[in-house]
Amino acid sequence: MKENMIAKKSYAFAIKIIKLNKILIQKNEYVLSKQILKSGTSIGANVEEAIGGISKKDFRAKMSISYKEARETNYWLRLLKDTHYIIEEKFNDLNNDLLEILKILFKIIESSK
């Protein structure tokens, strides 16, 4: 079976988000940690649903949801950085991965029209 790049990258990103969530909880930050956990892991979950889509329309819809969840995750990451819950290096690492995921998702959505 051919390796799916976006599935692999979104899964690896979800693992990083889970680890970030653990750090935020240690800092007693529960609201933002829950928000970024939900959106950051939802990216890959929606990619998986898209891969199993029953039609091209279903595939595109799930990839679009994944893209929107990635945009939301970008918002939470910026907020965490700007409120000093995460350091610049951690932000850059996560944000670089996320920007790559966003670009791939956008290309997938555009090419599936």
C-alpha atoms as a PDB file:
ATOM      1  CA  MET A   1       0.000   0.000   0.000  1.00  0.00           C
ATOM      2  CA  LYS A   2       1.325   3.439  -0.967  1.00  0.00           C
ATOM      3  CA  GLU A   3       2.318   5.724   1.904  1.00  0.00           C
ATOM      4  CA  ASN A   4       0.023   8.718   2.282  1.00  0.00           C
ATOM      5  CA  MET A   5       2.111  11.833   2.993  1.00  0.00           C
ATOM      6  CA  ILE A   6      -0.658  13.954   4.545  1.00  0.00           C
ATOM      7  CA  ALA A   7      -1.839  11.062   6.737  1.00  0.00           C
ATOM      8  CA  LYS A   8       1.705  10.505   7.974  1.00  0.00           C
ATOM      9  CA  LYS A   9       2.401  14.205   8.624  1.00  0.00           C
ATOM     10  CA  SER A  10      -0.930  14.897  10.327  1.00  0.00           C
ATOM     11  CA  TYR A  11      -0.484  11.848  12.571  1.00  0.00           C
ATOM     12  CA  ALA A  12       3.035  12.932  13.587  1.00  0.00           C
ATOM     13  CA  PHE A  13       1.694  16.434  14.245  1.00  0.00           C
ATOM     14  CA  ALA A  14      -1.077  15.024  16.459  1.00  0.00           C
ATOM     15  CA  ILE A  15       1.550  13.260  18.571  1.00  0.00           C
ATOM     16  CA  LYS A  16       3.375  16.571  19.058  1.00  0.00           C
ATOM     17  CA  ILE A  17       0.103  18.244  20.026  1.00  0.00           C
ATOM     18  CA  ILE A  18      -0.626  15.552  22.624  1.00  0.00           C
ATOM     19  CA  LYS A  19       2.829  16.119  24.115  1.00  0.00           C
ATOM     20  CA  LEU A  20       2.217  19.883  24.133  1.00  0.00           C
ATOM     21  CA  ASN A  21      -1.096  19.285  25.895  1.00  0.00           C
ATOM     22  CA  LYS A  22       0.716  17.416  28.683  1.00  0.00           C
ATOM     23  CA  ILE A  23       3.084  20.376  29.136  1.00  0.00           C
ATOM     24  CA  LEU A  24       0.208  22.866  29.245  1.00  0.00           C
ATOM     25  CA  ILE A  25      -1.635  20.806  31.856  1.00  0.00           C
ATOM     26  CA  GLN A  26       1.515  20.814  34.019  1.00  0.00           C
ATOM     27  CA  LYS A  27       1.313  24.620  33.824  1.00  0.00           C
ATOM     28  CA  ASN A  28      -2.321  24.419  34.965  1.00  0.00           C
ATOM     29  CA  GLU A  29      -3.595  25.665  31.616  1.00  0.00           C
ATOM     30  CA  TYR A  30      -6.681  23.604  30.911  1.00  0.00           C
ATOM     31  CA  VAL A  31      -8.860  25.671  28.594  1.00  0.00           C
ATOM     32  CA  LEU A  32      -6.314  26.428  25.867  1.00  0.00           C
ATOM     33  CA  SER A  33      -4.777  22.982  26.211  1.00  0.00           C
ATOM     34  CA  LYS A  34      -8.146  21.389  25.509  1.00  0.00           C
ATOM     35  CA  GLN A  35      -8.783  23.670  22.521  1.00  0.00           C
ATOM     36  CA  ILE A  36      -5.470  22.936  20.815  1.00  0.00           C
ATOM     37  CA  LEU A  37      -5.714  19.230  21.649  1.00  0.00           C
ATOM     38  CA  LYS A  38      -9.118  19.043  19.980  1.00  0.00           C
ATOM     39  CA  SER A  39      -8.247  20.970  16.823  1.00  0.00           C
ATOM     40  CA  GLY A  40      -4.682  19.672  16.486  1.00  0.00           C
ATOM     41  CA  THR A  41      -5.647  16.009  16.634  1.00  0.00           C
ATOM     42  CA  SER A  42      -8.763  16.532  14.528  1.00  0.00           C
ATOM     43  CA  ILE A  43      -6.625  17.372  11.494  1.00  0.00           C
ATOM     44  CA  GLY A  44      -5.406  13.805  11.121  1.00  0.00           C
ATOM     45  CA  ALA A  45      -8.714  12.263  12.123  1.00  0.00           C
ATOM     46  CA  ASN A  46     -10.452  14.102   9.294  1.00  0.00           C
ATOM     47  CA  VAL A  47      -7.703  13.136   6.866  1.00  0.00           C
ATOM     48  CA  GLU A  48      -8.318   9.497   7.794  1.00  0.00           C
ATOM     49  CA  GLU A  49     -12.041   9.964   7.242  1.00  0.00           C
ATOM     50  CA  ALA A  50     -11.330  11.564   3.856  1.00  0.00           C
ATOM     51  CA  ILE A  51      -9.160   8.650   2.800  1.00  0.00           C
ATOM     52  CA  GLY A  52     -12.088   6.355   3.557  1.00  0.00           C
ATOM     53  CA  GLY A  53     -14.554   8.654   1.818  1.00  0.00           C
ATOM     54  CA  ILE A  54     -17.232   7.064  -0.299  1.00  0.00           C
ATOM     55  CA  SER A  55     -17.217   9.731  -2.988  1.00  0.00           C
ATOM     56  CA  LYS A  56     -15.064  12.527  -4.346  1.00  0.00           C
ATOM     57  CA  LYS A  57     -17.445  15.035  -2.747  1.00  0.00           C
ATOM     58  CA  ASP A  58     -17.114  13.285   0.632  1.00  0.00           C
ATOM     59  CA  PHE A  59     -13.323  13.215   0.268  1.00  0.00           C
ATOM     60  CA  ARG A  60     -13.175  16.936  -0.504  1.00  0.00           C
ATOM     61  CA  ALA A  61     -15.543  17.802   2.361  1.00  0.00           C
ATOM     62  CA  LYS A  62     -13.436  15.936   4.935  1.00  0.00           C
ATOM     63  CA  MET A  63     -10.192  17.411   3.613  1.00  0.00           C
ATOM     64  CA  SER A  64     -11.800  20.857   3.864  1.00  0.00           C
ATOM     65  CA  ILE A  65     -12.717  20.200   7.495  1.00  0.00           C
ATOM     66  CA  SER A  66      -9.142  19.091   8.113  1.00  0.00           C
ATOM     67  CA  TYR A  67      -7.885  22.338   6.566  1.00  0.00           C
ATOM     68  CA  LYS A  68     -10.211  24.386   8.788  1.00  0.00           C
ATOM     69  CA  GLU A  69      -9.057  22.497  11.885  1.00  0.00           C
ATOM     70  CA  ALA A  70      -5.446  23.226  10.898  1.00  0.00           C
ATOM     71  CA  ARG A  71      -6.278  26.942  10.588  1.00  0.00           C
ATOM     72  CA  GLU A  72      -7.876  26.844  14.040  1.00  0.00           C
ATOM     73  CA  THR A  73      -4.815  25.092  15.447  1.00  0.00           C
ATOM     74  CA  ASN A  74      -2.659  27.847  13.968  1.00  0.00           C
ATOM     75  CA  TYR A  75      -4.726  30.388  15.923  1.00  0.00           C
ATOM     76  CA  TRP A  76      -4.291  28.516  19.222  1.00  0.00           C
ATOM     77  CA  LEU A  77      -0.555  28.105  18.643  1.00  0.00           C
ATOM     78  CA  ARG A  78      -0.118  31.831  18.051  1.00  0.00           C
ATOM     79  CA  LEU A  79      -2.165  32.590  21.132  1.00  0.00           C
ATOM     80  CA  LEU A  80      -0.102  30.229  23.268  1.00  0.00           C
ATOM     81  CA  LYS A  81       3.119  31.807  22.015  1.00  0.00           C
ATOM     82  CA  ASP A  82       1.946  35.370  22.504  1.00  0.00           C
ATOM     83  CA  THR A  83       0.743  34.658  26.047  1.00  0.00           C
ATOM     84  CA  HIS A  84       4.055  32.946  26.873  1.00  0.00           C
ATOM     85  CA  TYR A  85       2.663  29.479  27.510  1.00  0.00           C
ATOM     86  CA  ILE A  86       5.096  28.116  24.947  1.00  0.00           C
ATOM     87  CA  ILE A  87       8.535  29.366  24.017  1.00  0.00           C
ATOM     88  CA  GLU A  88       9.468  30.606  20.564  1.00  0.00           C
ATOM     89  CA  GLU A  89      11.402  27.443  19.665  1.00  0.00           C
ATOM     90  CA  LYS A  90       8.441  25.176  20.484  1.00  0.00           C
ATOM     91  CA  PHE A  91       6.125  27.458  18.527  1.00  0.00           C
ATOM     92  CA  ASN A  92       8.446  27.476  15.511  1.00  0.00           C
ATOM     93  CA  ASP A  93       8.739  23.692  15.501  1.00  0.00           C
ATOM     94  CA  LEU A  94       4.985  23.152  15.646  1.00  0.00           C
ATOM     95  CA  ASN A  95       4.139  26.038  13.357  1.00  0.00           C
ATOM     96  CA  ASN A  96       6.559  24.895  10.643  1.00  0.00           C
ATOM     97  CA  ASP A  97       4.933  21.466  10.650  1.00  0.00           C
ATOM     98  CA  LEU A  98       1.484  23.011  10.617  1.00  0.00           C
ATOM     99  CA  LEU A  99       2.244  25.370   7.738  1.00  0.00           C
ATOM    100  CA  GLU A 100       3.482  22.420   5.691  1.00  0.00           C
ATOM    101  CA  ILE A 101       0.300  20.498   6.493  1.00  0.00           C
ATOM    102  CA  LEU A 102      -1.823  23.507   5.508  1.00  0.00           C
ATOM    103  CA  LYS A 103      -0.051  23.808   2.152  1.00  0.00           C
ATOM    104  CA  ILE A 104      -0.502  20.112   1.400  1.00  0.00           C
ATOM    105  CA  LEU A 105      -4.162  20.159   2.400  1.00  0.00           C
ATOM    106  CA  PHE A 106      -4.826  23.228   0.278  1.00  0.00           C
ATOM    107  CA  LYS A 107      -3.229  21.563  -2.762  1.00  0.00           C
ATOM    108  CA  ILE A 108      -5.239  18.388  -2.179  1.00  0.00           C
ATOM    109  CA  ILE A 109      -8.502  20.340  -1.937  1.00  0.00           C
ATOM    110  CA  GLU A 110      -7.736  22.413  -5.009  1.00  0.00           C
ATOM    111  CA  SER A 111      -6.724  19.416  -7.103  1.00  0.00           C
ATOM    112  CA  SER A 112      -9.796  17.406  -6.089  1.00  0.00           C
ATOM    113  CA  LYS A 113     -12.213  19.954  -7.590  1.00  0.00           C
END
